[in-house]
C-alpha atoms as a PDB file:
ATOM      1  CA  UNK A   1      -0.498 -27.872 -22.611  1.00  0.00           C
ATOM      2  CA  UNK A   2      -1.473 -29.188 -26.002  1.00  0.00           C
ATOM      3  CA  UNK A   3      -0.734 -27.498 -29.225  1.00  0.00           C
ATOM      4  CA  UNK A   4      -3.318 -27.855 -32.041  1.00  0.00           C
ATOM      5  CA  UNK A   5      -1.605 -28.211 -35.431  1.00  0.00           C
ATOM      6  CA  UNK A   6      -2.751 -25.679 -38.131  1.00  0.00           C
ATOM      7  CA  UNK A   7      -3.575 -26.345 -41.720  1.00  0.00           C
ATOM      8  CA  UNK A   8      -0.675 -27.865 -43.617  1.00  0.00           C
ATOM      9  CA  UNK A   9       0.602 -25.733 -46.450  1.00  0.00           C
ATOM     10  CA  UNK A  10       0.031 -26.964 -49.959  1.00  0.00           C
ATOM     11  CA  UNK A  11       2.922 -29.077 -51.488  1.00  0.00           C
ATOM     12  CA  UNK A  12       5.021 -27.736 -54.279  1.00  0.00           C
ATOM     13  CA  UNK A  13       3.585 -30.630 -56.486  1.00  0.00           C
ATOM     14  CA  UNK A  14      -0.032 -29.656 -55.918  1.00  0.00           C
ATOM     15  CA  UNK A  15       0.700 -25.980 -56.383  1.00  0.00           C
ATOM     16  CA  UNK A  16       2.324 -26.739 -59.681  1.00  0.00           C
ATOM     17  CA  UNK A  17      -0.573 -29.039 -60.803  1.00  0.00           C
ATOM     18  CA  UNK A  18      -3.089 -26.377 -59.859  1.00  0.00           C
ATOM     19  CA  UNK A  19      -1.245 -23.692 -61.813  1.00  0.00           C
ATOM     20  CA  UNK A  20      -0.847 -25.809 -65.001  1.00  0.00           C
ATOM     21  CA  UNK A  21      -4.449 -26.964 -64.783  1.00  0.00           C
ATOM     22  CA  UNK A  22      -5.651 -23.385 -64.513  1.00  0.00           C
ATOM     23  CA  UNK A  23      -3.629 -22.343 -67.523  1.00  0.00           C
ATOM     24  CA  UNK A  24      -3.733 -25.595 -69.502  1.00  0.00           C
ATOM     25  CA  UNK A  25      -4.960 -24.024 -72.754  1.00  0.00           C
ATOM     26  CA  UNK A  26      -1.578 -22.165 -73.041  1.00  0.00           C
ATOM     27  CA  UNK A  27       0.321 -25.435 -73.012  1.00  0.00           C
ATOM     28  CA  UNK A  28      -1.620 -27.511 -75.560  1.00  0.00           C
ATOM     29  CA  UNK A  29       0.789 -26.744 -78.424  1.00  0.00           C
ATOM     30  CA  UNK A  30       3.935 -27.327 -76.259  1.00  0.00           C
ATOM     31  CA  UNK A  31       5.414 -30.709 -77.078  1.00  0.00           C
ATOM     32  CA  UNK A  32       6.658 -31.691 -73.486  1.00  0.00           C
ATOM     33  CA  UNK A  33       3.079 -31.813 -72.185  1.00  0.00           C
ATOM     34  CA  UNK A  34       2.627 -35.155 -73.811  1.00  0.00           C
ATOM     35  CA  UNK A  35       5.841 -36.375 -72.255  1.00  0.00           C
ATOM     36  CA  UNK A  36       4.958 -35.728 -68.690  1.00  0.00           C
ATOM     37  CA  UNK A  37       4.835 -38.769 -66.374  1.00  0.00           C
ATOM     38  CA  UNK A  38       1.468 -40.436 -66.066  1.00  0.00           C
ATOM     39  CA  UNK A  39       1.203 -39.437 -62.382  1.00  0.00           C
ATOM     40  CA  UNK A  40       1.400 -35.736 -63.369  1.00  0.00           C
ATOM     41  CA  UNK A  41      -0.975 -36.146 -66.361  1.00  0.00           C
ATOM     42  CA  UNK A  42      -3.459 -37.854 -64.103  1.00  0.00           C
ATOM     43  CA  UNK A  43      -3.277 -35.105 -61.386  1.00  0.00           C
ATOM     44  CA  UNK A  44      -3.818 -32.430 -64.028  1.00  0.00           C
ATOM     45  CA  UNK A  45      -6.737 -34.262 -65.594  1.00  0.00           C
ATOM     46  CA  UNK A  46      -8.496 -34.626 -62.285  1.00  0.00           C
ATOM     47  CA  UNK A  47      -7.981 -30.999 -61.288  1.00  0.00           C
ATOM     48  CA  UNK A  48      -9.411 -29.683 -64.509  1.00  0.00           C
ATOM     49  CA  UNK A  49     -12.559 -31.740 -63.985  1.00  0.00           C
ATOM     50  CA  UNK A  50     -13.018 -30.932 -60.272  1.00  0.00           C
ATOM     51  CA  UNK A  51     -11.992 -27.239 -60.281  1.00  0.00           C
ATOM     52  CA  UNK A  52     -12.105 -25.779 -63.798  1.00  0.00           C
ATOM     53  CA  UNK A  53     -15.432 -27.122 -65.174  1.00  0.00           C
ATOM     54  CA  UNK A  54     -14.050 -29.999 -67.345  1.00  0.00           C
ATOM     55  CA  UNK A  55     -12.801 -30.393 -70.875  1.00  0.00           C
ATOM     56  CA  UNK A  56     -14.629 -28.883 -73.910  1.00  0.00           C
ATOM     57  CA  UNK A  57     -12.435 -30.030 -76.799  1.00  0.00           C
ATOM     58  CA  UNK A  58     -10.468 -33.171 -77.681  1.00  0.00           C
ATOM     59  CA  UNK A  59      -6.933 -31.731 -77.906  1.00  0.00           C
ATOM     60  CA  UNK A  60      -6.070 -31.542 -74.297  1.00  0.00           C
ATOM     61  CA  UNK A  61      -7.519 -34.930 -73.331  1.00  0.00           C
ATOM     62  CA  UNK A  62      -5.578 -36.361 -76.136  1.00  0.00           C
ATOM     63  CA  UNK A  63      -2.337 -35.303 -74.476  1.00  0.00           C
ATOM     64  CA  UNK A  64      -3.285 -36.315 -70.951  1.00  0.00           C
ATOM     65  CA  UNK A  65      -5.290 -39.593 -71.249  1.00  0.00           C
ATOM     66  CA  UNK A  66      -3.057 -42.570 -70.725  1.00  0.00           C
ATOM     67  CA  UNK A  67      -2.997 -46.316 -69.989  1.00  0.00           C
ATOM     68  CA  UNK A  68      -2.385 -45.960 -66.232  1.00  0.00           C
ATOM     69  CA  UNK A  69      -5.741 -44.353 -65.714  1.00  0.00           C
ATOM     70  CA  UNK A  70      -8.297 -46.553 -64.044  1.00  0.00           C
ATOM     71  CA  UNK A  71     -10.915 -43.922 -63.052  1.00  0.00           C
ATOM     72  CA  UNK A  72     -12.182 -41.130 -65.216  1.00  0.00           C
ATOM     73  CA  UNK A  73     -14.716 -38.466 -64.198  1.00  0.00           C
ATOM     74  CA  UNK A  74     -16.168 -36.338 -67.067  1.00  0.00           C
ATOM     75  CA  UNK A  75     -19.100 -34.880 -65.067  1.00  0.00           C
ATOM     76  CA  UNK A  76     -18.399 -31.255 -65.985  1.00  0.00           C
ATOM     77  CA  UNK A  77     -17.175 -31.920 -69.492  1.00  0.00           C
ATOM     78  CA  UNK A  78     -18.508 -31.914 -73.036  1.00  0.00           C
ATOM     79  CA  UNK A  79     -18.547 -35.532 -74.087  1.00  0.00           C
ATOM     80  CA  UNK A  80     -18.361 -36.248 -77.805  1.00  0.00           C
ATOM     81  CA  UNK A  81     -17.853 -39.390 -79.753  1.00  0.00           C
ATOM     82  CA  UNK A  82     -14.220 -38.269 -80.210  1.00  0.00           C
ATOM     83  CA  UNK A  83     -13.835 -38.124 -76.470  1.00  0.00           C
ATOM     84  CA  UNK A  84     -15.245 -41.719 -75.998  1.00  0.00           C
ATOM     85  CA  UNK A  85     -12.934 -42.899 -78.678  1.00  0.00           C
ATOM     86  CA  UNK A  86      -9.975 -41.349 -76.963  1.00  0.00           C
ATOM     87  CA  UNK A  87     -10.751 -43.109 -73.649  1.00  0.00           C
ATOM     88  CA  UNK A  88     -11.187 -46.506 -75.366  1.00  0.00           C
ATOM     89  CA  UNK A  89      -7.962 -46.165 -77.191  1.00  0.00           C
ATOM     90  CA  UNK A  90      -5.810 -44.768 -74.413  1.00  0.00           C
ATOM     91  CA  UNK A  91      -7.339 -46.147 -71.174  1.00  0.00           C
ATOM     92  CA  UNK A  92      -7.714 -49.947 -71.687  1.00  0.00           C
ATOM     93  CA  UNK A  93      -7.419 -50.553 -67.939  1.00  0.00           C
ATOM     94  CA  UNK A  94     -10.332 -48.271 -67.096  1.00  0.00           C
ATOM     95  CA  UNK A  95     -12.328 -49.579 -64.054  1.00  0.00           C
ATOM     96  CA  UNK A  96     -14.585 -46.533 -63.264  1.00  0.00           C
ATOM     97  CA  UNK A  97     -16.349 -44.001 -65.610  1.00  0.00           C
ATOM     98  CA  UNK A  98     -18.499 -41.071 -64.614  1.00  0.00           C
ATOM     99  CA  UNK A  99     -20.528 -39.416 -67.248  1.00  0.00           C
ATOM    100  CA  UNK A 100     -23.169 -37.953 -64.958  1.00  0.00           C
ATOM    101  CA  UNK A 101     -24.073 -34.314 -65.456  1.00  0.00           C
ATOM    102  CA  UNK A 102     -21.809 -33.989 -68.527  1.00  0.00           C
ATOM    103  CA  UNK A 103     -22.738 -32.246 -71.633  1.00  0.00           C
ATOM    104  CA  UNK A 104     -23.836 -35.201 -73.648  1.00  0.00           C
ATOM    105  CA  UNK A 105     -22.822 -34.657 -77.304  1.00  0.00           C
ATOM    106  CA  UNK A 106     -22.167 -38.284 -78.287  1.00  0.00           C
ATOM    107  CA  UNK A 107     -24.175 -40.669 -80.504  1.00  0.00           C
ATOM    108  CA  UNK A 108     -25.415 -44.196 -79.812  1.00  0.00           C
ATOM    109  CA  UNK A 109     -22.683 -45.482 -82.252  1.00  0.00           C
ATOM    110  CA  UNK A 110     -19.936 -43.772 -80.272  1.00  0.00           C
ATOM    111  CA  UNK A 111     -21.250 -44.926 -76.957  1.00  0.00           C
ATOM    112  CA  UNK A 112     -21.616 -48.485 -78.112  1.00  0.00           C
ATOM    113  CA  UNK A 113     -18.159 -48.586 -79.681  1.00  0.00           C
ATOM    114  CA  UNK A 114     -16.533 -47.315 -76.491  1.00  0.00           C
ATOM    115  CA  UNK A 115     -18.269 -49.798 -74.186  1.00  0.00           C
ATOM    116  CA  UNK A 116     -17.175 -52.761 -76.420  1.00  0.00           C
ATOM    117  CA  UNK A 117     -13.527 -51.725 -75.862  1.00  0.00           C
ATOM    118  CA  UNK A 118     -13.637 -51.250 -72.084  1.00  0.00           C
ATOM    119  CA  UNK A 119     -13.878 -54.928 -70.857  1.00  0.00           C
ATOM    120  CA  UNK A 120     -12.378 -54.210 -67.477  1.00  0.00           C
ATOM    121  CA  UNK A 121     -14.996 -51.623 -66.487  1.00  0.00           C
ATOM    122  CA  UNK A 122     -16.441 -52.269 -63.086  1.00  0.00           C
ATOM    123  CA  UNK A 123     -18.337 -48.897 -62.374  1.00  0.00           C
ATOM    124  CA  UNK A 124     -20.470 -46.813 -64.763  1.00  0.00           C
ATOM    125  CA  UNK A 125     -22.342 -43.590 -63.701  1.00  0.00           C
ATOM    126  CA  UNK A 126     -24.670 -41.940 -66.194  1.00  0.00           C
ATOM    127  CA  UNK A 127     -27.695 -39.689 -65.558  1.00  0.00           C
ATOM    128  CA  UNK A 128     -30.611 -38.598 -67.641  1.00  0.00           C
ATOM    129  CA  UNK A 129     -29.313 -39.829 -70.991  1.00  0.00           C
ATOM    130  CA  UNK A 130     -31.924 -40.831 -73.495  1.00  0.00           C
ATOM    131  CA  UNK A 131     -29.361 -43.075 -75.418  1.00  0.00           C
ATOM    132  CA  UNK A 132     -29.130 -45.391 -72.335  1.00  0.00           C
ATOM    133  CA  UNK A 133     -31.853 -48.060 -72.859  1.00  0.00           C
ATOM    134  CA  UNK A 134     -32.380 -51.696 -72.446  1.00  0.00           C
ATOM    135  CA  UNK A 135     -30.414 -52.488 -75.552  1.00  0.00           C
ATOM    136  CA  UNK A 136     -27.485 -50.551 -74.277  1.00  0.00           C
ATOM    137  CA  UNK A 137     -27.635 -52.315 -70.836  1.00  0.00           C
ATOM    138  CA  UNK A 138     -27.628 -55.623 -72.800  1.00  0.00           C
ATOM    139  CA  UNK A 139     -24.457 -54.576 -74.677  1.00  0.00           C
ATOM    140  CA  UNK A 140     -22.814 -53.224 -71.505  1.00  0.00           C
ATOM    141  CA  UNK A 141     -23.208 -56.438 -69.574  1.00  0.00           C
ATOM    142  CA  UNK A 142     -21.932 -58.671 -72.361  1.00  0.00           C
ATOM    143  CA  UNK A 143     -18.925 -56.358 -72.886  1.00  0.00           C
ATOM    144  CA  UNK A 144     -18.098 -55.692 -69.105  1.00  0.00           C
ATOM    145  CA  UNK A 145     -18.567 -58.968 -67.180  1.00  0.00           C
ATOM    146  CA  UNK A 146     -16.964 -57.443 -64.035  1.00  0.00           C
ATOM    147  CA  UNK A 147     -19.400 -54.648 -63.613  1.00  0.00           C
ATOM    148  CA  UNK A 148     -20.376 -54.244 -59.916  1.00  0.00           C
ATOM    149  CA  UNK A 149     -21.678 -50.716 -59.858  1.00  0.00           C
ATOM    150  CA  UNK A 150     -24.323 -49.399 -62.270  1.00  0.00           C
ATOM    151  CA  UNK A 151     -25.916 -45.863 -61.759  1.00  0.00           C
ATOM    152  CA  UNK A 152     -28.513 -45.085 -64.479  1.00  0.00           C
ATOM    153  CA  UNK A 153     -30.503 -42.484 -62.623  1.00  0.00           C
ATOM    154  CA  UNK A 154     -33.241 -40.719 -64.746  1.00  0.00           C
ATOM    155  CA  UNK A 155     -32.373 -42.682 -67.883  1.00  0.00           C
ATOM    156  CA  UNK A 156     -36.032 -43.049 -68.826  1.00  0.00           C
ATOM    157  CA  UNK A 157     -35.613 -45.593 -71.590  1.00  0.00           C
ATOM    158  CA  UNK A 158     -34.357 -48.296 -69.097  1.00  0.00           C
ATOM    159  CA  UNK A 159     -37.155 -50.615 -68.260  1.00  0.00           C
ATOM    160  CA  UNK A 160     -38.013 -54.221 -67.277  1.00  0.00           C
ATOM    161  CA  UNK A 161     -36.140 -55.768 -70.297  1.00  0.00           C
ATOM    162  CA  UNK A 162     -32.960 -54.848 -68.601  1.00  0.00           C
ATOM    163  CA  UNK A 163     -33.393 -57.269 -65.881  1.00  0.00           C
ATOM    164  CA  UNK A 164     -32.890 -60.150 -68.334  1.00  0.00           C
ATOM    165  CA  UNK A 165     -29.139 -59.235 -68.748  1.00  0.00           C
ATOM    166  CA  UNK A 166     -28.560 -57.834 -65.325  1.00  0.00           C
ATOM    167  CA  UNK A 167     -29.690 -60.852 -63.457  1.00  0.00           C
ATOM    168  CA  UNK A 168     -26.336 -62.680 -63.953  1.00  0.00           C
ATOM    169  CA  UNK A 169     -24.174 -59.766 -63.057  1.00  0.00           C
ATOM    170  CA  UNK A 170     -22.244 -59.505 -59.809  1.00  0.00           C
ATOM    171  CA  UNK A 171     -23.816 -56.148 -58.972  1.00  0.00           C
ATOM    172  CA  UNK A 172     -23.323 -54.680 -55.529  1.00  0.00           C
ATOM    173  CA  UNK A 173     -24.700 -51.202 -56.245  1.00  0.00           C
ATOM    174  CA  UNK A 174     -27.706 -50.464 -58.611  1.00  0.00           C
ATOM    175  CA  UNK A 175     -29.342 -47.139 -58.994  1.00  0.00           C
ATOM    176  CA  UNK A 176     -32.374 -47.250 -61.471  1.00  0.00           C
ATOM    177  CA  UNK A 177     -34.355 -44.411 -59.759  1.00  0.00           C
ATOM    178  CA  UNK A 178     -36.534 -42.343 -62.053  1.00  0.00           C
ATOM    179  CA  UNK A 179     -36.497 -44.975 -64.869  1.00  0.00           C
ATOM    180  CA  UNK A 180     -39.220 -47.050 -66.220  1.00  0.00           C
ATOM    181  CA  UNK A 181     -38.776 -50.273 -64.231  1.00  0.00           C
ATOM    182  CA  UNK A 182     -41.637 -51.956 -62.442  1.00  0.00           C
ATOM    183  CA  UNK A 183     -42.280 -54.834 -60.002  1.00  0.00           C
ATOM    184  CA  UNK A 184     -41.497 -57.206 -62.932  1.00  0.00           C
ATOM    185  CA  UNK A 185     -37.833 -56.009 -62.884  1.00  0.00           C
ATOM    186  CA  UNK A 186     -37.386 -56.699 -59.186  1.00  0.00           C
ATOM    187  CA  UNK A 187     -38.850 -60.115 -59.428  1.00  0.00           C
ATOM    188  CA  UNK A 188     -36.752 -60.985 -62.320  1.00  0.00           C
ATOM    189  CA  UNK A 189     -33.416 -60.362 -60.459  1.00  0.00           C
ATOM    190  CA  UNK A 190     -34.509 -61.404 -56.961  1.00  0.00           C
ATOM    191  CA  UNK A 191     -33.413 -64.979 -57.134  1.00  0.00           C
ATOM    192  CA  UNK A 192     -30.703 -64.594 -59.546  1.00  0.00           C
ATOM    193  CA  UNK A 193     -26.968 -63.754 -59.041  1.00  0.00           C
ATOM    194  CA  UNK A 194     -27.615 -60.022 -59.190  1.00  0.00           C
ATOM    195  CA  UNK A 195     -30.357 -60.212 -56.519  1.00  0.00           C
ATOM    196  CA  UNK A 196     -28.089 -62.147 -54.199  1.00  0.00           C
ATOM    197  CA  UNK A 197     -25.037 -59.813 -54.328  1.00  0.00           C
ATOM    198  CA  UNK A 198     -26.892 -56.439 -54.191  1.00  0.00           C
ATOM    199  CA  UNK A 199     -25.995 -54.320 -51.168  1.00  0.00           C
ATOM    200  CA  UNK A 200     -27.219 -50.893 -52.358  1.00  0.00           C
ATOM    201  CA  UNK A 201     -30.399 -50.565 -54.395  1.00  0.00           C
ATOM    202  CA  UNK A 202     -32.258 -47.311 -55.348  1.00  0.00           C
ATOM    203  CA  UNK A 203     -35.572 -47.743 -57.173  1.00  0.00           C
ATOM    204  CA  UNK A 204     -37.047 -44.305 -56.105  1.00  0.00           C
ATOM    205  CA  UNK A 205     -39.770 -42.631 -58.256  1.00  0.00           C
ATOM    206  CA  UNK A 206     -40.376 -45.759 -60.225  1.00  0.00           C
ATOM    207  CA  UNK A 207     -43.810 -47.651 -60.389  1.00  0.00           C
ATOM    208  CA  UNK A 208     -42.708 -50.009 -57.668  1.00  0.00           C
ATOM    209  CA  UNK A 209     -45.035 -51.541 -55.008  1.00  0.00           C
ATOM    210  CA  UNK A 210     -44.511 -53.501 -51.723  1.00  0.00           C
ATOM    211  CA  UNK A 211     -45.242 -56.572 -53.917  1.00  0.00           C
ATOM    212  CA  UNK A 212     -41.987 -56.092 -55.943  1.00  0.00           C
ATOM    213  CA  UNK A 213     -39.861 -55.196 -52.797  1.00  0.00           C
ATOM    214  CA  UNK A 214     -41.123 -58.401 -51.076  1.00  0.00           C
ATOM    215  CA  UNK A 215     -39.718 -60.573 -53.912  1.00  0.00           C
ATOM    216  CA  UNK A 216     -36.199 -59.394 -53.255  1.00  0.00           C
ATOM    217  CA  UNK A 217     -33.618 -61.453 -51.501  1.00  0.00           C
ATOM    218  CA  UNK A 218     -32.750 -59.512 -48.351  1.00  0.00           C
ATOM    219  CA  UNK A 219     -29.756 -61.427 -47.270  1.00  0.00           C
ATOM    220  CA  UNK A 220     -27.288 -58.796 -48.648  1.00  0.00           C
ATOM    221  CA  UNK A 221     -29.102 -55.554 -49.046  1.00  0.00           C
ATOM    222  CA  UNK A 222     -27.921 -52.835 -46.635  1.00  0.00           C
ATOM    223  CA  UNK A 223     -29.262 -49.732 -48.245  1.00  0.00           C
ATOM    224  CA  UNK A 224     -32.547 -49.314 -50.133  1.00  0.00           C
ATOM    225  CA  UNK A 225     -34.262 -46.270 -51.603  1.00  0.00           C
ATOM    226  CA  UNK A 226     -37.847 -46.274 -52.753  1.00  0.00           C
ATOM    227  CA  UNK A 227     -38.749 -42.621 -52.248  1.00  0.00           C
ATOM    228  CA  UNK A 228     -41.821 -41.651 -54.349  1.00  0.00           C
ATOM    229  CA  UNK A 229     -42.966 -45.193 -54.802  1.00  0.00           C
ATOM    230  CA  UNK A 230     -46.404 -46.510 -53.986  1.00  0.00           C
ATOM    231  CA  UNK A 231     -45.644 -48.671 -50.989  1.00  0.00           C
ATOM    232  CA  UNK A 232     -48.799 -49.407 -49.126  1.00  0.00           C
ATOM    233  CA  UNK A 233     -47.809 -52.354 -46.824  1.00  0.00           C
ATOM    234  CA  UNK A 234     -44.290 -52.523 -45.491  1.00  0.00           C
ATOM    235  CA  UNK A 235     -45.084 -55.521 -43.315  1.00  0.00           C
ATOM    236  CA  UNK A 236     -45.114 -57.891 -46.239  1.00  0.00           C
ATOM    237  CA  UNK A 237     -41.667 -56.708 -47.460  1.00  0.00           C
ATOM    238  CA  UNK A 238     -39.631 -58.585 -44.809  1.00  0.00           C
ATOM    239  CA  UNK A 239     -36.521 -56.426 -44.618  1.00  0.00           C
ATOM    240  CA  UNK A 240     -33.391 -58.423 -43.928  1.00  0.00           C
ATOM    241  CA  UNK A 241     -31.168 -58.162 -40.769  1.00  0.00           C
ATOM    242  CA  UNK A 242     -28.271 -56.557 -42.717  1.00  0.00           C
ATOM    243  CA  UNK A 243     -30.449 -53.514 -43.590  1.00  0.00           C
ATOM    244  CA  UNK A 244     -28.879 -50.325 -42.356  1.00  0.00           C
ATOM    245  CA  UNK A 245     -30.598 -47.462 -44.217  1.00  0.00           C
ATOM    246  CA  UNK A 246     -33.839 -46.847 -45.847  1.00  0.00           C
ATOM    247  CA  UNK A 247     -34.859 -43.775 -47.965  1.00  0.00           C
ATOM    248  CA  UNK A 248     -38.677 -43.659 -48.160  1.00  0.00           C
ATOM    249  CA  UNK A 249     -41.397 -41.015 -48.027  1.00  0.00           C
ATOM    250  CA  UNK A 250     -44.975 -41.658 -47.217  1.00  0.00           C
ATOM    251  CA  UNK A 251     -47.178 -40.919 -50.186  1.00  0.00           C
ATOM    252  CA  UNK A 252     -50.708 -39.720 -50.194  1.00  0.00           C
END
C-alpha cells in the first residue's frame, strides 16, 4: 500500500519572511532592519516584489539592497532615478535586472548612469519604455560586455542602428518584438558573433520578411518567434536542424 505525502508545512523561516514583508512599512524606522543578514534581506525583497506589489519609495530598498544580490526584479515597483542609483551603489555584482511592467519614473540620465556602473550585468528585461533607444543600446553594450540576454519588447525607439553594437555581443536570447527593427537588422547581425550565438530570438510584430529570416545563421537558433510578420515564403528561410519551436501566425 502506497502512501502519498501531503503538502509540506511552511518553514518557520518563510513564515517570518512573509510576515515581515507584509508589514515592512512598520519596520522602516527600526535600526536592526539594516543589520539583518543578506540572506534574510534578499528573501524579504523578493517577497515584497512577488506578493505585495513591489516598492514605491526609496526608504525600504535602501535598507534591503546589498552587495550579495545578483538578481533584482522590480516589475511591480515604482522605478525612479533614486532607485536606479541605489542599485548601482549597493549591488555591484548584479547579473540580472528586470524592469518590465514597472512604473517607470526615471529619466534618461538616471538610466544611463546606472548602466555604466553595472559592468557585470548579463540579463536585462525592459518593456514598453520610450527611453530605451538605439543610443541606450550602444551604451549598454559598451558598459556590459557579458550581456547574454536582452529583452526590449515594445521599446518602439529601438531600430536597425542597434544592430551595429549588438553584432559583437555574446547574446543567447534576444527579444526585439514590437520594436522598429527591419530585415536590415537581421542581416547586420547574421554573420557576426551575435548571430552565431543566438538560441532564442523574437522579432514578432516587426516589419520582418522571409528575406531577413533567410539571412540568419541557423546553426544555433532553437526558438524563433515572428508572429505578426509578413512572411510569405518559408521555403527560402532554411531553418536549422537545432530548431525546436516556432511562434508564427499566417497573415492575410
